[in-house]
């Protein structure tokens, strides 16, 4: 398993699991991405999606992502995985999400429904442009000053 020990410790604490070999059963890396490590984490309490990176290089990235995912989830227009938690331990930060099993192939109706829900999400409006917190776009800090 290539998850740093500090991240394993934090995740086990977050999930209220004992730090034993049986608690974390496996980790399957996801493909794609270039700044984060991530993949399916199988534990004795279920499956999750785990992401981690350098807390010094990208400070606050996953705390901001967790806030953004909660805002997107609140729109109820498209299914967004639930945030289990985020945190830092030593030189690492992490984000733990609900794991969503995906079928091996999607039907045409799935993509039509997905497109309609995505369009609905983009109809969400606000009185001001911006967001209540800064975040990242890739590895770059994104200022979200409201105006």
Protein backbone atom coordinates (compact mmCIF):
# COMPACT_ATOMS: atom_id res chain seq x y z
CA UNK A 1 0.00 0.00 0.00
CA UNK A 2 1.48 3.36 -0.98
CA UNK A 3 -0.62 5.63 1.26
CA UNK A 4 1.67 7.62 3.57
CA UNK A 5 1.48 6.50 7.19
CA UNK A 6 0.36 9.97 8.32
CA UNK A 7 -2.63 9.80 5.95
CA UNK A 8 -3.51 6.26 7.04
CA UNK A 9 -3.47 7.37 10.68
CA UNK A 10 -5.70 10.38 9.97
CA UNK A 11 -8.20 8.40 7.92
CA UNK A 12 -8.48 5.67 10.56
CA UNK A 13 -9.05 8.32 13.23
CA UNK A 14 -11.68 10.06 11.07
CA UNK A 15 -13.49 6.76 10.50
CA UNK A 16 -13.08 5.79 14.17
CA UNK A 17 -11.30 2.55 13.23
CA UNK A 18 -8.55 0.77 15.11
CA UNK A 19 -5.05 1.20 13.66
CA UNK A 20 -4.67 -2.46 12.67
CA UNK A 21 -3.77 -4.26 9.47
CA UNK A 22 -7.41 -5.34 9.08
CA UNK A 23 -8.79 -1.78 9.13
CA UNK A 24 -7.36 -0.71 5.76
CA UNK A 25 -7.85 -3.61 3.40
CA UNK A 26 -6.68 -2.22 0.05
CA UNK A 27 -6.04 0.86 -2.02
CA UNK A 28 -6.56 0.97 -5.79
CA UNK A 29 -5.09 4.10 -7.43
CA UNK A 30 -7.27 6.03 -9.85
CA UNK A 31 -5.89 7.06 -13.20
CA UNK A 32 -5.57 10.67 -14.29
CA UNK A 33 -4.62 13.76 -12.38
CA UNK A 34 -1.13 15.09 -11.89
CA UNK A 35 -1.07 16.95 -8.56
CA UNK A 36 -2.98 14.57 -6.28
CA UNK A 37 -2.74 10.94 -5.36
CA UNK A 38 -6.13 9.30 -5.23
CA UNK A 39 -8.12 6.15 -5.52
CA UNK A 40 -10.50 3.64 -3.98
CA UNK A 41 -9.80 2.92 -0.33
CA UNK A 42 -11.35 -0.30 1.01
CA UNK A 43 -11.64 -0.47 4.79
CA UNK A 44 -13.35 -2.65 7.35
CA UNK A 45 -16.14 -0.03 7.45
CA UNK A 46 -16.66 0.25 3.67
CA UNK A 47 -15.25 1.84 0.53
CA UNK A 48 -14.21 5.48 0.14
CA UNK A 49 -12.42 7.70 -2.35
CA UNK A 50 -9.21 9.10 -0.86
CA UNK A 51 -7.12 11.97 -2.23
CA UNK A 52 -3.91 13.37 -0.77
CA UNK A 53 -1.05 15.71 -1.64
CA UNK A 54 1.49 18.08 -0.09
CA UNK A 55 0.05 20.42 2.52
CA UNK A 56 3.00 22.79 2.02
CA UNK A 57 2.73 22.98 -1.75
CA UNK A 58 -1.06 23.38 -1.91
CA UNK A 59 -2.16 24.77 1.47
CA UNK A 60 -5.86 24.42 2.19
CA UNK A 61 -6.65 22.75 -1.14
CA UNK A 62 -8.80 19.95 0.21
CA UNK A 63 -10.54 22.03 2.87
CA UNK A 64 -11.62 24.39 0.05
CA UNK A 65 -12.60 21.46 -2.19
CA UNK A 66 -14.70 19.96 0.61
CA UNK A 67 -16.55 23.28 1.02
CA UNK A 68 -17.12 23.51 -2.73
CA UNK A 69 -18.40 19.94 -2.97
CA UNK A 70 -20.87 20.61 -0.15
CA UNK A 71 -22.14 23.69 -2.00
CA UNK A 72 -22.55 21.68 -5.21
CA UNK A 73 -24.30 18.88 -3.32
CA UNK A 74 -26.73 21.38 -1.81
CA UNK A 75 -27.96 22.27 -5.31
CA UNK A 76 -29.52 18.79 -5.51
CA UNK A 77 -29.33 19.00 -9.30
CA UNK A 78 -26.62 16.39 -9.88
CA UNK A 79 -25.30 13.68 -7.60
CA UNK A 80 -22.14 14.83 -5.83
CA UNK A 81 -20.28 12.39 -3.57
CA UNK A 82 -20.60 13.10 0.14
CA UNK A 83 -17.61 14.56 1.96
CA UNK A 84 -16.57 12.32 4.84
CA UNK A 85 -13.84 14.70 5.94
CA UNK A 86 -10.57 16.42 5.19
CA UNK A 87 -7.49 17.21 7.21
CA UNK A 88 -3.74 17.52 7.50
CA UNK A 89 -1.09 15.41 9.16
CA UNK A 90 2.55 16.41 8.90
CA UNK A 91 3.50 17.22 5.33
CA UNK A 92 0.28 15.81 3.86
CA UNK A 93 -3.35 16.84 3.49
CA UNK A 94 -6.23 14.60 2.45
CA UNK A 95 -9.84 14.50 1.37
CA UNK A 96 -12.04 11.46 2.06
CA UNK A 97 -15.20 11.10 -0.01
CA UNK A 98 -18.06 8.69 -0.45
CA UNK A 99 -17.09 6.06 -3.01
CA UNK A 100 -19.45 5.73 -5.95
CA UNK A 101 -19.40 2.47 -7.90
CA UNK A 102 -19.72 3.07 -11.63
CA UNK A 103 -21.02 0.63 -14.21
CA UNK A 104 -18.55 -0.49 -16.84
CA UNK A 105 -20.63 1.20 -19.55
CA UNK A 106 -23.20 3.98 -19.58
CA UNK A 107 -26.34 4.03 -21.69
CA UNK A 108 -27.39 6.86 -23.99
CA UNK A 109 -30.19 7.77 -21.55
CA UNK A 110 -27.62 8.10 -18.74
CA UNK A 111 -25.70 10.74 -20.70
CA UNK A 112 -28.90 12.61 -21.61
CA UNK A 113 -29.95 12.68 -17.94
CA UNK A 114 -26.45 13.71 -16.89
CA UNK A 115 -26.43 16.57 -19.40
CA UNK A 116 -29.83 17.80 -18.23
CA UNK A 117 -28.76 17.71 -14.57
CA UNK A 118 -25.49 19.48 -15.37
CA UNK A 119 -27.44 22.19 -17.18
CA UNK A 120 -29.70 22.50 -14.12
CA UNK A 121 -26.64 22.92 -11.89
CA UNK A 122 -25.41 25.76 -14.09
CA UNK A 123 -28.74 27.57 -13.67
CA UNK A 124 -27.93 28.08 -9.97
CA UNK A 125 -27.53 31.81 -9.42
CA UNK A 126 -26.42 34.24 -6.76
CA UNK A 127 -26.77 37.96 -6.16
CA UNK A 128 -22.99 38.33 -6.40
CA UNK A 129 -20.30 36.92 -8.66
CA UNK A 130 -17.72 34.83 -6.81
CA UNK A 131 -17.66 32.44 -3.90
CA UNK A 132 -17.42 32.81 -0.15
CA UNK A 133 -13.93 31.27 -0.14
CA UNK A 134 -10.85 30.97 -2.34
CA UNK A 135 -10.00 27.60 -3.81
CA UNK A 136 -7.81 26.03 -6.48
CA UNK A 137 -8.16 25.45 -10.18
CA UNK A 138 -5.69 22.64 -10.70
CA UNK A 139 -2.51 23.69 -8.90
CA UNK A 140 -3.30 27.42 -9.13
CA UNK A 141 -4.91 29.41 -6.34
CA UNK A 142 -8.23 30.84 -7.52
CA UNK A 143 -9.38 34.10 -5.95
CA UNK A 144 -13.15 34.17 -5.49
CA UNK A 145 -13.60 37.69 -4.23
CA UNK A 146 -17.28 38.53 -4.49
CA UNK A 147 -18.35 41.49 -6.57
